[in-house]
């Protein structure tokens, strides 16, 4: 690796002012699981890394807000979120998703903010958080702004974040009576990057689907809402005919990305099958 400067500011304010909106070789680092791999592979050669480990502790931890929403500091390790009692009780789909996200060594180090800011389309949490209506708070020199997780990524490793902005907080609305599930298909071990990931959230009245949210990942260059499939599910009964129509609607016209985990045609067929499985899993309240 090439030599670089490592700085460790003591506040969010100081960290932001060490970043440069015009210099891509200066980057913030939290857990560093992705950045270090990129540096070792030679695809990223930083001039300066701004470590966030020593900034205010209020940007770490999990709590509930006055409206019952989940508030997660961006520097919270994924393993802390996975083991949180309130997450397991009120947002079980998040805890279940984390159980197969990479491996425990990575989850002990990788942070929530870094996971979202990296914007690898194969990541597991973004589709789940998107379908739950989560949002992030972003801080920069001009102040704070809020962005839905569903709008955060703009493509492969690209986000709406400016180079001198940092994610500070993730907020997830109360799941309430929504039933949610996340399923993924991997071609190797269960904790590998998926060929397809699909998150579903349902509001049901008996066997009837009152409302539905469906977001996929890994088969597209960013988490993508499947509005056509949602329209088929909304107001329909949960049966095989409905799931088949929803699967076809999801696959029709969608720009699928083939990669080392599967060809575009293979992923399109996975989508047809896994959408039905994910809807049934959500209806049962478990993945």
Foldseek 3Di string as FASTA:
>chain_A
DDDAAEEEDQALVVLLVVWDLVDPLEAEDALCPVVVVCVVVVVHHHNYYYYDPNYDPVLADWDADPQRKIKGRQNYQQVRCLPDPCCCVFVVQSNVQSPQAADPVRSVRDGNQNLLQQQALLGRVLQQQQQQFKWWWKQHPVGIDIGTSQQQADFHRHGPDRRSMGTTMIIGGGLPQKFKHKDFDFPDDSNDRGCKIKIKIFDDDVQATQFIWIWMTNQGRGIDTLVQLRVLRHGGGLDPVSLQNSLCSSLPPDDTPADPRGGNVVVSVVSSPVSSVRVVCRVVRHD
